[in-house]
N, C-alpha and C. Protein backbone atom coordinates (compact mmCIF):
# COMPACT_ATOMS: atom_id res chain seq x y z
N UNK A 1 -89.06 60.91 8.29
CA UNK A 1 -87.75 61.35 8.78
C UNK A 1 -87.28 62.55 7.96
N UNK A 2 -86.79 63.57 8.62
CA UNK A 2 -86.30 64.74 7.95
C UNK A 2 -85.04 64.41 7.16
N UNK A 3 -84.97 64.94 5.90
CA UNK A 3 -83.81 64.69 5.06
C UNK A 3 -82.58 65.38 5.64
N UNK A 4 -81.47 64.69 5.65
CA UNK A 4 -80.24 65.26 6.20
C UNK A 4 -79.68 66.36 5.30
N UNK A 5 -79.93 66.24 3.98
CA UNK A 5 -79.48 67.25 3.01
C UNK A 5 -77.97 67.40 2.97
N UNK A 6 -77.26 66.29 3.04
CA UNK A 6 -75.81 66.37 2.88
C UNK A 6 -75.47 66.30 1.40
N UNK A 7 -74.64 67.23 0.95
CA UNK A 7 -74.21 67.29 -0.45
C UNK A 7 -72.92 66.48 -0.62
N UNK A 8 -72.46 66.28 -1.87
CA UNK A 8 -71.18 65.60 -2.08
C UNK A 8 -70.02 66.26 -1.33
N UNK A 9 -70.12 67.57 -1.11
CA UNK A 9 -69.05 68.28 -0.39
C UNK A 9 -68.87 67.72 1.02
N UNK A 10 -70.00 67.44 1.70
CA UNK A 10 -69.91 66.89 3.05
C UNK A 10 -69.27 65.50 3.04
N UNK A 11 -69.62 64.70 2.03
CA UNK A 11 -69.06 63.36 1.97
C UNK A 11 -67.59 63.38 1.55
N UNK A 12 -67.18 64.43 0.82
CA UNK A 12 -65.76 64.60 0.54
C UNK A 12 -65.01 64.84 1.85
N UNK A 13 -65.63 65.60 2.74
CA UNK A 13 -65.02 65.84 4.04
C UNK A 13 -64.92 64.53 4.83
N UNK A 14 -65.96 63.72 4.75
CA UNK A 14 -65.92 62.41 5.42
C UNK A 14 -64.74 61.59 4.91
N UNK A 15 -64.52 61.62 3.60
CA UNK A 15 -63.40 60.87 3.02
C UNK A 15 -62.06 61.41 3.50
N UNK A 16 -61.96 62.74 3.62
CA UNK A 16 -60.71 63.35 4.10
C UNK A 16 -60.44 62.96 5.55
N UNK A 17 -61.49 62.99 6.37
CA UNK A 17 -61.34 62.62 7.78
C UNK A 17 -60.99 61.14 7.89
N UNK A 18 -61.58 60.32 7.03
CA UNK A 18 -61.26 58.89 7.05
C UNK A 18 -59.77 58.68 6.84
N UNK A 19 -59.16 59.42 5.92
CA UNK A 19 -57.73 59.26 5.68
C UNK A 19 -56.92 59.70 6.90
N UNK A 20 -57.35 60.78 7.54
CA UNK A 20 -56.67 61.23 8.77
C UNK A 20 -56.77 60.16 9.84
N UNK A 21 -57.94 59.54 9.95
CA UNK A 21 -58.14 58.49 10.94
C UNK A 21 -57.23 57.28 10.67
N UNK A 22 -57.10 56.92 9.39
CA UNK A 22 -56.21 55.81 9.04
C UNK A 22 -54.76 56.15 9.37
N UNK A 23 -54.35 57.38 9.07
CA UNK A 23 -52.99 57.81 9.41
C UNK A 23 -52.79 57.79 10.92
N UNK A 24 -53.81 58.20 11.63
CA UNK A 24 -53.75 58.22 13.09
C UNK A 24 -53.62 56.79 13.64
N UNK A 25 -54.41 55.87 13.07
CA UNK A 25 -54.36 54.47 13.51
C UNK A 25 -52.98 53.88 13.26
N UNK A 26 -52.38 54.17 12.11
CA UNK A 26 -51.04 53.66 11.82
C UNK A 26 -50.02 54.20 12.81
N UNK A 27 -50.13 55.51 13.07
CA UNK A 27 -49.14 56.15 13.96
C UNK A 27 -49.23 55.63 15.39
N UNK A 28 -50.42 55.19 15.78
CA UNK A 28 -50.63 54.78 17.18
C UNK A 28 -50.49 53.28 17.38
N UNK A 29 -50.09 52.56 16.34
CA UNK A 29 -49.85 51.12 16.50
C UNK A 29 -48.57 50.90 17.30
N UNK A 30 -48.52 49.84 18.04
CA UNK A 30 -47.31 49.51 18.78
C UNK A 30 -47.44 49.76 20.26
N UNK A 31 -46.37 49.49 20.97
CA UNK A 31 -46.37 49.60 22.43
C UNK A 31 -46.28 51.04 22.92
N UNK A 32 -45.75 51.92 22.09
CA UNK A 32 -45.59 53.34 22.49
C UNK A 32 -46.28 54.23 21.47
N UNK A 33 -47.61 54.29 21.54
CA UNK A 33 -48.35 55.09 20.55
C UNK A 33 -48.03 56.58 20.66
N UNK A 34 -47.94 57.24 19.51
CA UNK A 34 -47.65 58.67 19.45
C UNK A 34 -48.52 59.29 18.37
N UNK A 35 -49.09 60.45 18.67
CA UNK A 35 -49.84 61.20 17.66
C UNK A 35 -48.87 62.21 17.05
N UNK A 36 -48.48 62.06 15.79
CA UNK A 36 -47.55 63.00 15.18
C UNK A 36 -48.12 64.42 15.18
N UNK A 37 -47.24 65.40 15.20
CA UNK A 37 -47.66 66.78 15.29
C UNK A 37 -48.55 67.19 14.11
N UNK A 38 -48.23 66.71 12.90
CA UNK A 38 -49.03 67.12 11.74
C UNK A 38 -50.46 66.61 11.83
N UNK A 39 -50.66 65.48 12.55
CA UNK A 39 -52.02 64.99 12.76
C UNK A 39 -52.68 65.73 13.93
N UNK A 40 -51.91 66.00 14.96
CA UNK A 40 -52.44 66.74 16.11
C UNK A 40 -52.92 68.12 15.69
N UNK A 41 -52.22 68.73 14.72
CA UNK A 41 -52.59 70.06 14.27
C UNK A 41 -53.92 70.06 13.51
N UNK A 42 -54.35 68.90 13.04
CA UNK A 42 -55.63 68.82 12.34
C UNK A 42 -56.80 68.57 13.28
N UNK A 43 -56.50 68.33 14.55
CA UNK A 43 -57.55 67.97 15.50
C UNK A 43 -58.57 69.08 15.68
N UNK A 44 -58.10 70.29 15.97
CA UNK A 44 -59.03 71.40 16.24
C UNK A 44 -59.85 71.77 15.00
N UNK A 45 -59.24 71.94 13.80
CA UNK A 45 -60.05 72.23 12.61
C UNK A 45 -61.08 71.15 12.29
N UNK A 46 -60.70 69.89 12.50
CA UNK A 46 -61.63 68.79 12.22
C UNK A 46 -62.79 68.80 13.20
N UNK A 47 -62.49 69.00 14.48
CA UNK A 47 -63.55 69.07 15.49
C UNK A 47 -64.47 70.25 15.22
N UNK A 48 -63.91 71.39 14.77
CA UNK A 48 -64.73 72.57 14.49
C UNK A 48 -65.64 72.34 13.29
N UNK A 49 -65.11 71.69 12.25
CA UNK A 49 -65.95 71.39 11.07
C UNK A 49 -67.08 70.44 11.45
N UNK A 50 -66.78 69.48 12.30
CA UNK A 50 -67.81 68.55 12.77
C UNK A 50 -68.88 69.31 13.55
N UNK A 51 -68.45 70.25 14.38
CA UNK A 51 -69.41 71.05 15.16
C UNK A 51 -70.32 71.85 14.23
N UNK A 52 -69.75 72.41 13.17
CA UNK A 52 -70.54 73.20 12.22
C UNK A 52 -71.60 72.34 11.53
N UNK A 53 -71.22 71.13 11.15
CA UNK A 53 -72.18 70.23 10.49
C UNK A 53 -73.31 69.84 11.46
N UNK A 54 -72.96 69.60 12.70
CA UNK A 54 -73.97 69.25 13.69
C UNK A 54 -74.88 70.43 13.98
N UNK A 55 -74.31 71.62 14.02
CA UNK A 55 -75.11 72.81 14.26
C UNK A 55 -76.07 73.06 13.09
N UNK A 56 -75.59 72.82 11.87
CA UNK A 56 -76.45 72.97 10.70
C UNK A 56 -77.62 71.99 10.76
N UNK A 57 -77.36 70.78 11.25
CA UNK A 57 -78.43 69.79 11.40
C UNK A 57 -79.44 70.26 12.45
N UNK A 58 -78.96 70.82 13.54
CA UNK A 58 -79.86 71.35 14.57
C UNK A 58 -80.75 72.45 13.99
N UNK A 59 -80.16 73.29 13.16
CA UNK A 59 -80.92 74.38 12.56
C UNK A 59 -82.00 73.90 11.61
N UNK A 60 -81.86 72.66 11.12
CA UNK A 60 -82.89 72.06 10.26
C UNK A 60 -83.88 71.23 11.07
N UNK A 61 -83.77 71.32 12.38
CA UNK A 61 -84.73 70.63 13.23
C UNK A 61 -84.32 69.25 13.66
N UNK A 62 -83.06 68.87 13.40
CA UNK A 62 -82.57 67.55 13.81
C UNK A 62 -81.87 67.68 15.15
N UNK A 63 -82.61 67.50 16.21
CA UNK A 63 -82.04 67.64 17.55
C UNK A 63 -81.13 66.45 17.85
N UNK A 64 -80.31 66.61 18.88
CA UNK A 64 -79.38 65.56 19.25
C UNK A 64 -80.10 64.25 19.59
N UNK A 65 -81.31 64.36 20.07
CA UNK A 65 -82.08 63.17 20.43
C UNK A 65 -82.43 62.32 19.21
N UNK A 66 -82.39 62.93 18.02
CA UNK A 66 -82.77 62.20 16.80
C UNK A 66 -81.56 61.67 16.03
N UNK A 67 -80.35 61.96 16.49
CA UNK A 67 -79.17 61.61 15.71
C UNK A 67 -78.98 60.11 15.56
N UNK A 68 -79.55 59.34 16.47
CA UNK A 68 -79.43 57.88 16.35
C UNK A 68 -80.05 57.37 15.05
N UNK A 69 -80.96 58.17 14.47
CA UNK A 69 -81.60 57.78 13.22
C UNK A 69 -80.77 58.17 12.00
N UNK A 70 -79.69 58.93 12.22
CA UNK A 70 -78.88 59.46 11.13
C UNK A 70 -77.42 59.05 11.33
N UNK A 71 -76.97 57.93 10.74
CA UNK A 71 -75.59 57.48 10.92
C UNK A 71 -74.54 58.55 10.65
N UNK A 72 -74.71 59.42 9.61
CA UNK A 72 -73.68 60.45 9.41
C UNK A 72 -73.54 61.39 10.60
N UNK A 73 -74.65 61.72 11.25
CA UNK A 73 -74.59 62.61 12.40
C UNK A 73 -73.98 61.91 13.61
N UNK A 74 -74.32 60.63 13.80
CA UNK A 74 -73.70 59.86 14.89
C UNK A 74 -72.19 59.82 14.71
N UNK A 75 -71.77 59.54 13.48
CA UNK A 75 -70.34 59.45 13.19
C UNK A 75 -69.66 60.81 13.39
N UNK A 76 -70.30 61.86 12.94
CA UNK A 76 -69.73 63.20 13.05
C UNK A 76 -69.53 63.59 14.51
N UNK A 77 -70.49 63.27 15.35
CA UNK A 77 -70.36 63.57 16.78
C UNK A 77 -69.22 62.76 17.40
N UNK A 78 -69.10 61.49 17.01
CA UNK A 78 -68.01 60.66 17.53
C UNK A 78 -66.65 61.21 17.08
N UNK A 79 -66.58 61.66 15.83
CA UNK A 79 -65.34 62.26 15.31
C UNK A 79 -65.02 63.55 16.07
N UNK A 80 -66.02 64.36 16.30
CA UNK A 80 -65.81 65.61 17.04
C UNK A 80 -65.22 65.34 18.42
N UNK A 81 -65.79 64.37 19.12
CA UNK A 81 -65.32 64.05 20.46
C UNK A 81 -63.89 63.50 20.44
N UNK A 82 -63.59 62.65 19.45
CA UNK A 82 -62.25 62.07 19.36
C UNK A 82 -61.20 63.15 19.12
N UNK A 83 -61.49 64.07 18.20
CA UNK A 83 -60.48 65.08 17.88
C UNK A 83 -60.38 66.16 18.94
N UNK A 84 -61.44 66.38 19.68
CA UNK A 84 -61.34 67.26 20.85
C UNK A 84 -60.41 66.62 21.88
N UNK A 85 -60.55 65.32 22.05
CA UNK A 85 -59.68 64.59 22.98
C UNK A 85 -58.22 64.70 22.58
N UNK A 86 -57.96 64.59 21.26
CA UNK A 86 -56.59 64.70 20.77
C UNK A 86 -56.05 66.11 20.97
N UNK A 87 -56.90 67.12 20.69
CA UNK A 87 -56.48 68.51 20.89
C UNK A 87 -56.14 68.77 22.35
N UNK A 88 -56.99 68.27 23.25
CA UNK A 88 -56.75 68.46 24.69
C UNK A 88 -55.49 67.71 25.14
N UNK A 89 -55.23 66.60 24.47
CA UNK A 89 -54.05 65.80 24.80
C UNK A 89 -52.78 66.62 24.66
N UNK A 90 -52.73 67.41 23.61
CA UNK A 90 -51.52 68.18 23.35
C UNK A 90 -51.47 69.49 24.12
N UNK A 91 -52.53 69.81 24.83
CA UNK A 91 -52.50 70.95 25.74
C UNK A 91 -52.05 70.54 27.13
N UNK A 92 -51.98 69.23 27.32
CA UNK A 92 -51.58 68.70 28.63
C UNK A 92 -50.07 68.81 28.81
N UNK A 93 -49.64 68.96 30.06
CA UNK A 93 -48.22 69.02 30.36
C UNK A 93 -47.53 67.68 30.10
N UNK A 94 -48.26 66.60 30.36
CA UNK A 94 -47.72 65.26 30.14
C UNK A 94 -48.71 64.43 29.32
N UNK A 95 -48.73 64.67 28.01
CA UNK A 95 -49.70 63.95 27.17
C UNK A 95 -49.45 62.45 27.15
N UNK A 96 -50.51 61.70 27.38
CA UNK A 96 -50.44 60.24 27.33
C UNK A 96 -51.50 59.75 26.34
N UNK A 97 -51.05 59.11 25.29
CA UNK A 97 -51.97 58.63 24.26
C UNK A 97 -52.71 57.40 24.79
N UNK A 98 -54.05 57.39 24.74
CA UNK A 98 -54.81 56.21 25.19
C UNK A 98 -54.41 54.96 24.41
N UNK A 99 -54.36 53.85 25.08
CA UNK A 99 -53.96 52.60 24.44
C UNK A 99 -54.91 52.19 23.31
N UNK A 100 -56.18 52.58 23.43
CA UNK A 100 -57.16 52.14 22.44
C UNK A 100 -57.39 53.16 21.33
N UNK A 101 -56.53 54.17 21.21
CA UNK A 101 -56.76 55.22 20.22
C UNK A 101 -56.71 54.67 18.80
N UNK A 102 -55.76 53.76 18.53
CA UNK A 102 -55.65 53.17 17.19
C UNK A 102 -56.92 52.39 16.85
N UNK A 103 -57.41 51.62 17.80
CA UNK A 103 -58.63 50.82 17.57
C UNK A 103 -59.84 51.73 17.32
N UNK A 104 -59.96 52.80 18.09
CA UNK A 104 -61.08 53.73 17.91
C UNK A 104 -61.00 54.43 16.56
N UNK A 105 -59.79 54.82 16.17
CA UNK A 105 -59.61 55.48 14.87
C UNK A 105 -59.98 54.55 13.73
N UNK A 106 -59.57 53.27 13.84
CA UNK A 106 -59.91 52.28 12.81
C UNK A 106 -61.42 52.08 12.70
N UNK A 107 -62.08 52.02 13.84
CA UNK A 107 -63.53 51.83 13.85
C UNK A 107 -64.24 52.99 13.17
N UNK A 108 -63.80 54.22 13.47
CA UNK A 108 -64.42 55.39 12.85
C UNK A 108 -64.09 55.45 11.35
N UNK A 109 -62.88 55.03 10.98
CA UNK A 109 -62.52 54.99 9.56
C UNK A 109 -63.38 53.98 8.82
N UNK A 110 -63.64 52.85 9.46
CA UNK A 110 -64.51 51.83 8.86
C UNK A 110 -65.92 52.35 8.67
N UNK A 111 -66.44 53.05 9.67
CA UNK A 111 -67.78 53.63 9.55
C UNK A 111 -67.82 54.68 8.46
N UNK A 112 -66.75 55.47 8.36
CA UNK A 112 -66.68 56.49 7.31
C UNK A 112 -66.79 55.86 5.93
N UNK A 113 -66.10 54.74 5.74
CA UNK A 113 -66.18 54.05 4.45
C UNK A 113 -67.60 53.57 4.17
N UNK A 114 -68.28 53.08 5.20
CA UNK A 114 -69.68 52.67 5.03
C UNK A 114 -70.54 53.85 4.59
N UNK A 115 -70.34 55.01 5.20
CA UNK A 115 -71.12 56.20 4.86
C UNK A 115 -70.87 56.63 3.42
N UNK A 116 -69.61 56.58 3.02
CA UNK A 116 -69.26 56.99 1.65
C UNK A 116 -69.88 56.03 0.64
N UNK A 117 -69.81 54.72 0.92
CA UNK A 117 -70.36 53.74 -0.01
C UNK A 117 -71.88 53.82 -0.06
N UNK A 118 -72.51 54.17 1.05
CA UNK A 118 -73.97 54.32 1.05
C UNK A 118 -74.38 55.53 0.23
N UNK A 119 -73.60 56.60 0.33
CA UNK A 119 -73.92 57.83 -0.40
C UNK A 119 -73.65 57.68 -1.88
N UNK A 120 -72.52 57.04 -2.21
CA UNK A 120 -72.13 56.85 -3.60
C UNK A 120 -71.60 55.43 -3.75
N UNK A 121 -72.49 54.47 -4.02
CA UNK A 121 -72.06 53.07 -4.11
C UNK A 121 -70.90 52.91 -5.08
N UNK A 122 -69.89 52.23 -4.61
CA UNK A 122 -68.71 52.01 -5.43
C UNK A 122 -68.70 50.56 -5.90
N UNK A 123 -68.61 50.36 -7.20
CA UNK A 123 -68.59 49.01 -7.74
C UNK A 123 -67.25 48.35 -7.44
N UNK A 124 -67.32 47.08 -7.11
CA UNK A 124 -66.10 46.32 -6.86
C UNK A 124 -65.31 46.20 -8.15
N UNK A 125 -64.00 46.45 -8.05
CA UNK A 125 -63.16 46.31 -9.23
C UNK A 125 -63.08 44.84 -9.61
N UNK A 126 -63.40 44.58 -10.87
CA UNK A 126 -63.36 43.20 -11.32
C UNK A 126 -62.11 42.91 -12.14
N UNK A 127 -61.42 43.98 -12.57
CA UNK A 127 -60.25 43.77 -13.43
C UNK A 127 -59.08 43.23 -12.63
N UNK A 128 -58.43 42.26 -13.20
CA UNK A 128 -57.23 41.71 -12.55
C UNK A 128 -56.06 42.60 -12.86
N UNK A 129 -55.20 42.85 -11.88
CA UNK A 129 -54.09 43.75 -12.10
C UNK A 129 -52.83 43.02 -12.56
N UNK A 130 -52.94 41.75 -12.91
CA UNK A 130 -51.77 41.02 -13.41
C UNK A 130 -51.32 41.62 -14.73
N UNK A 131 -50.04 41.54 -15.02
CA UNK A 131 -49.51 42.07 -16.27
C UNK A 131 -50.07 41.28 -17.44
N UNK A 132 -50.57 42.00 -18.43
CA UNK A 132 -51.09 41.35 -19.63
C UNK A 132 -49.93 41.19 -20.60
N UNK A 133 -49.54 39.96 -20.81
CA UNK A 133 -48.38 39.70 -21.65
C UNK A 133 -48.86 39.30 -23.03
N UNK A 134 -48.70 40.19 -23.97
CA UNK A 134 -49.16 39.91 -25.34
C UNK A 134 -48.09 39.10 -26.07
N UNK A 135 -48.48 38.46 -27.15
CA UNK A 135 -47.52 37.65 -27.90
C UNK A 135 -46.42 38.52 -28.49
N UNK A 136 -46.73 39.77 -28.80
CA UNK A 136 -45.74 40.64 -29.39
C UNK A 136 -44.64 41.00 -28.40
N UNK A 137 -45.00 41.13 -27.12
CA UNK A 137 -44.03 41.56 -26.13
C UNK A 137 -43.35 40.40 -25.43
N UNK A 138 -43.92 39.20 -25.53
CA UNK A 138 -43.35 38.08 -24.78
C UNK A 138 -42.52 37.15 -25.63
N UNK A 139 -42.47 37.42 -26.90
CA UNK A 139 -41.69 36.54 -27.76
C UNK A 139 -40.63 37.33 -28.50
N UNK A 140 -39.55 36.66 -28.83
CA UNK A 140 -38.50 37.26 -29.62
C UNK A 140 -38.85 37.05 -31.08
N UNK A 141 -38.02 37.60 -31.95
CA UNK A 141 -38.27 37.45 -33.39
C UNK A 141 -38.29 35.99 -33.79
N UNK A 142 -37.57 35.15 -33.05
CA UNK A 142 -37.51 33.73 -33.39
C UNK A 142 -38.68 32.94 -32.83
N UNK A 143 -39.51 33.62 -32.04
CA UNK A 143 -40.67 32.94 -31.49
C UNK A 143 -40.46 32.47 -30.08
N UNK A 144 -39.25 32.60 -29.54
CA UNK A 144 -38.98 32.16 -28.16
C UNK A 144 -39.53 33.17 -27.17
N UNK A 145 -39.82 32.73 -25.95
CA UNK A 145 -40.32 33.62 -24.91
C UNK A 145 -39.22 34.62 -24.53
N UNK A 146 -39.61 35.88 -24.38
CA UNK A 146 -38.67 36.95 -24.03
C UNK A 146 -38.31 36.85 -22.55
N UNK A 147 -37.08 36.50 -22.17
CA UNK A 147 -36.71 36.32 -20.75
C UNK A 147 -36.89 37.58 -19.93
N UNK A 148 -36.59 38.75 -20.52
CA UNK A 148 -36.69 40.01 -19.77
C UNK A 148 -38.13 40.27 -19.35
N UNK A 149 -39.05 40.02 -20.29
CA UNK A 149 -40.47 40.26 -19.97
C UNK A 149 -40.95 39.25 -18.94
N UNK A 150 -40.52 37.99 -19.09
CA UNK A 150 -40.93 36.96 -18.13
C UNK A 150 -40.40 37.28 -16.73
N UNK A 151 -39.17 37.78 -16.67
CA UNK A 151 -38.59 38.13 -15.37
C UNK A 151 -39.36 39.29 -14.74
N UNK A 152 -39.73 40.27 -15.57
CA UNK A 152 -40.52 41.40 -15.06
C UNK A 152 -41.87 40.93 -14.55
N UNK A 153 -42.49 40.01 -15.29
CA UNK A 153 -43.78 39.48 -14.87
C UNK A 153 -43.67 38.73 -13.55
N UNK A 154 -42.60 37.95 -13.40
CA UNK A 154 -42.41 37.18 -12.16
C UNK A 154 -42.22 38.11 -10.98
N UNK A 155 -41.43 39.17 -11.18
CA UNK A 155 -41.22 40.12 -10.10
C UNK A 155 -42.53 40.82 -9.72
N UNK A 156 -43.32 41.14 -10.74
CA UNK A 156 -44.60 41.80 -10.49
C UNK A 156 -45.54 40.91 -9.69
N UNK A 157 -45.52 39.62 -10.04
CA UNK A 157 -46.41 38.67 -9.38
C UNK A 157 -46.13 38.54 -7.89
N UNK A 158 -44.87 38.77 -7.48
CA UNK A 158 -44.51 38.60 -6.07
C UNK A 158 -44.38 39.93 -5.34
N UNK A 159 -44.68 41.03 -5.99
CA UNK A 159 -44.62 42.34 -5.34
C UNK A 159 -45.69 42.40 -4.25
N UNK A 160 -45.30 42.67 -2.98
CA UNK A 160 -46.29 42.72 -1.89
C UNK A 160 -47.43 43.69 -2.16
N UNK A 161 -47.14 44.80 -2.84
CA UNK A 161 -48.20 45.76 -3.14
C UNK A 161 -49.25 45.14 -4.05
N UNK A 162 -48.78 44.39 -5.04
CA UNK A 162 -49.70 43.71 -5.96
C UNK A 162 -50.51 42.65 -5.22
N UNK A 163 -49.82 41.88 -4.37
CA UNK A 163 -50.50 40.81 -3.64
C UNK A 163 -51.55 41.38 -2.69
N UNK A 164 -51.20 42.48 -1.99
CA UNK A 164 -52.18 43.09 -1.09
C UNK A 164 -53.34 43.70 -1.86
N UNK A 165 -53.05 44.24 -3.05
CA UNK A 165 -54.13 44.79 -3.88
C UNK A 165 -55.09 43.69 -4.33
N UNK A 166 -54.52 42.56 -4.71
CA UNK A 166 -55.37 41.42 -5.10
C UNK A 166 -56.21 40.93 -3.93
N UNK A 167 -55.57 40.84 -2.76
CA UNK A 167 -56.31 40.39 -1.58
C UNK A 167 -57.45 41.36 -1.27
N UNK A 168 -57.19 42.65 -1.41
CA UNK A 168 -58.23 43.66 -1.15
C UNK A 168 -59.42 43.44 -2.08
N UNK A 169 -59.14 43.26 -3.38
CA UNK A 169 -60.23 43.05 -4.34
C UNK A 169 -60.95 41.72 -4.10
N UNK A 170 -60.17 40.68 -3.75
CA UNK A 170 -60.77 39.37 -3.48
C UNK A 170 -61.72 39.44 -2.29
N UNK A 171 -61.29 40.14 -1.23
CA UNK A 171 -62.15 40.29 -0.05
C UNK A 171 -63.42 41.04 -0.40
N UNK A 172 -63.30 42.08 -1.22
CA UNK A 172 -64.49 42.86 -1.61
C UNK A 172 -65.47 42.00 -2.40
N UNK A 173 -64.92 41.13 -3.28
CA UNK A 173 -65.81 40.24 -4.05
C UNK A 173 -66.49 39.23 -3.15
N UNK A 174 -65.73 38.66 -2.21
CA UNK A 174 -66.32 37.69 -1.28
C UNK A 174 -67.36 38.35 -0.39
N UNK A 175 -67.09 39.59 0.01
CA UNK A 175 -68.05 40.35 0.82
C UNK A 175 -69.36 40.52 0.06
N UNK A 176 -69.24 40.89 -1.22
CA UNK A 176 -70.44 41.12 -2.03
C UNK A 176 -71.26 39.84 -2.21
N UNK A 177 -70.57 38.69 -2.24
CA UNK A 177 -71.25 37.41 -2.46
C UNK A 177 -71.64 36.70 -1.17
N UNK A 178 -71.19 37.21 -0.04
CA UNK A 178 -71.42 36.51 1.22
C UNK A 178 -72.87 36.66 1.70
N UNK A 179 -73.47 35.57 2.21
CA UNK A 179 -74.82 35.67 2.78
C UNK A 179 -74.83 36.47 4.08
N UNK A 180 -73.64 36.72 4.64
CA UNK A 180 -73.52 37.51 5.88
C UNK A 180 -72.82 38.83 5.57
N UNK A 181 -73.26 39.49 4.48
CA UNK A 181 -72.59 40.71 4.07
C UNK A 181 -72.88 41.91 4.97
N UNK A 182 -73.74 41.71 5.97
CA UNK A 182 -74.08 42.82 6.87
C UNK A 182 -73.25 42.85 8.14
N UNK A 183 -72.34 41.89 8.31
CA UNK A 183 -71.54 41.89 9.54
C UNK A 183 -70.40 42.89 9.39
N UNK A 184 -70.07 43.64 10.46
CA UNK A 184 -69.06 44.71 10.37
C UNK A 184 -67.65 44.21 10.16
N UNK A 185 -67.41 42.91 10.41
CA UNK A 185 -66.05 42.40 10.29
C UNK A 185 -65.49 42.51 8.86
N UNK A 186 -66.38 42.49 7.86
CA UNK A 186 -65.90 42.62 6.48
C UNK A 186 -65.19 43.95 6.29
N UNK A 187 -65.84 45.05 6.69
CA UNK A 187 -65.23 46.36 6.52
C UNK A 187 -63.99 46.50 7.38
N UNK A 188 -64.01 45.88 8.57
CA UNK A 188 -62.84 45.95 9.44
C UNK A 188 -61.64 45.26 8.79
N UNK A 189 -61.89 44.13 8.12
CA UNK A 189 -60.82 43.43 7.41
C UNK A 189 -60.21 44.33 6.34
N UNK A 190 -61.07 44.99 5.55
CA UNK A 190 -60.57 45.85 4.48
C UNK A 190 -59.80 47.04 5.05
N UNK A 191 -60.29 47.60 6.13
CA UNK A 191 -59.61 48.75 6.73
C UNK A 191 -58.25 48.35 7.28
N UNK A 192 -58.18 47.19 7.94
CA UNK A 192 -56.91 46.70 8.46
C UNK A 192 -55.92 46.45 7.33
N UNK A 193 -56.41 45.95 6.20
CA UNK A 193 -55.54 45.72 5.06
C UNK A 193 -55.00 47.04 4.52
N UNK A 194 -55.85 48.08 4.51
CA UNK A 194 -55.38 49.40 4.07
C UNK A 194 -54.30 49.93 5.01
N UNK A 195 -54.45 49.66 6.29
CA UNK A 195 -53.42 50.06 7.24
C UNK A 195 -52.11 49.32 6.94
N UNK A 196 -52.21 48.02 6.63
CA UNK A 196 -51.03 47.24 6.28
C UNK A 196 -50.36 47.82 5.03
N UNK A 197 -51.16 48.20 4.04
CA UNK A 197 -50.60 48.76 2.82
C UNK A 197 -49.87 50.07 3.13
N UNK A 198 -50.46 50.88 3.98
CA UNK A 198 -49.84 52.14 4.35
C UNK A 198 -48.53 51.93 5.10
N UNK A 199 -48.53 50.95 6.01
CA UNK A 199 -47.32 50.65 6.77
C UNK A 199 -46.21 50.14 5.84
N UNK A 200 -46.59 49.29 4.88
CA UNK A 200 -45.58 48.77 3.94
C UNK A 200 -44.97 49.89 3.11
N UNK A 201 -45.80 50.85 2.69
CA UNK A 201 -45.30 51.96 1.90
C UNK A 201 -44.30 52.83 2.66
N UNK A 202 -44.40 52.78 3.99
CA UNK A 202 -43.52 53.62 4.83
C UNK A 202 -42.17 52.98 5.12
N UNK A 203 -42.05 51.68 4.89
CA UNK A 203 -40.79 50.99 5.28
C UNK A 203 -39.92 50.63 4.06
């Protein structure tokens, strides 16, 4: 198989597009999906960059018939088509966002994460993000527990951001240990949780 010859620069672009896809999925959730203008404005440049990458692959002898053997090229073509669709949507007199746009964006974002992890494996974070309460900070001069620190710790423990972060790490650990670690639902779970985190940050 011919080497794809993608450098870290190309995978940085994949990561950037993944974030756009997640933003797009969040924006299109609900009964009345809408593509915000700042995302719509990225459609044409993103589709053009995808076209350039595909053209570069063709110039190296990777014809469209062989792209099924190269997940990055398959993903890039799917991204190109999606963003062309979004660009055309805003050229229409009466733009109507497809009902499944959020689902399609999530799926492509999930695949993007797979591509990034395959290119540069990311180790699962093992560190717990709970507050480390040392004896110096949790006790008063008399040896009693410091109420202010305990109250801060309690608030931290119930912070939704902290809880979602823990759930994200827990799912990643279970995924790594699962005998069915090849099923796509694992990545879909993590991507959906990232969407939840993004939605919470907005409200």
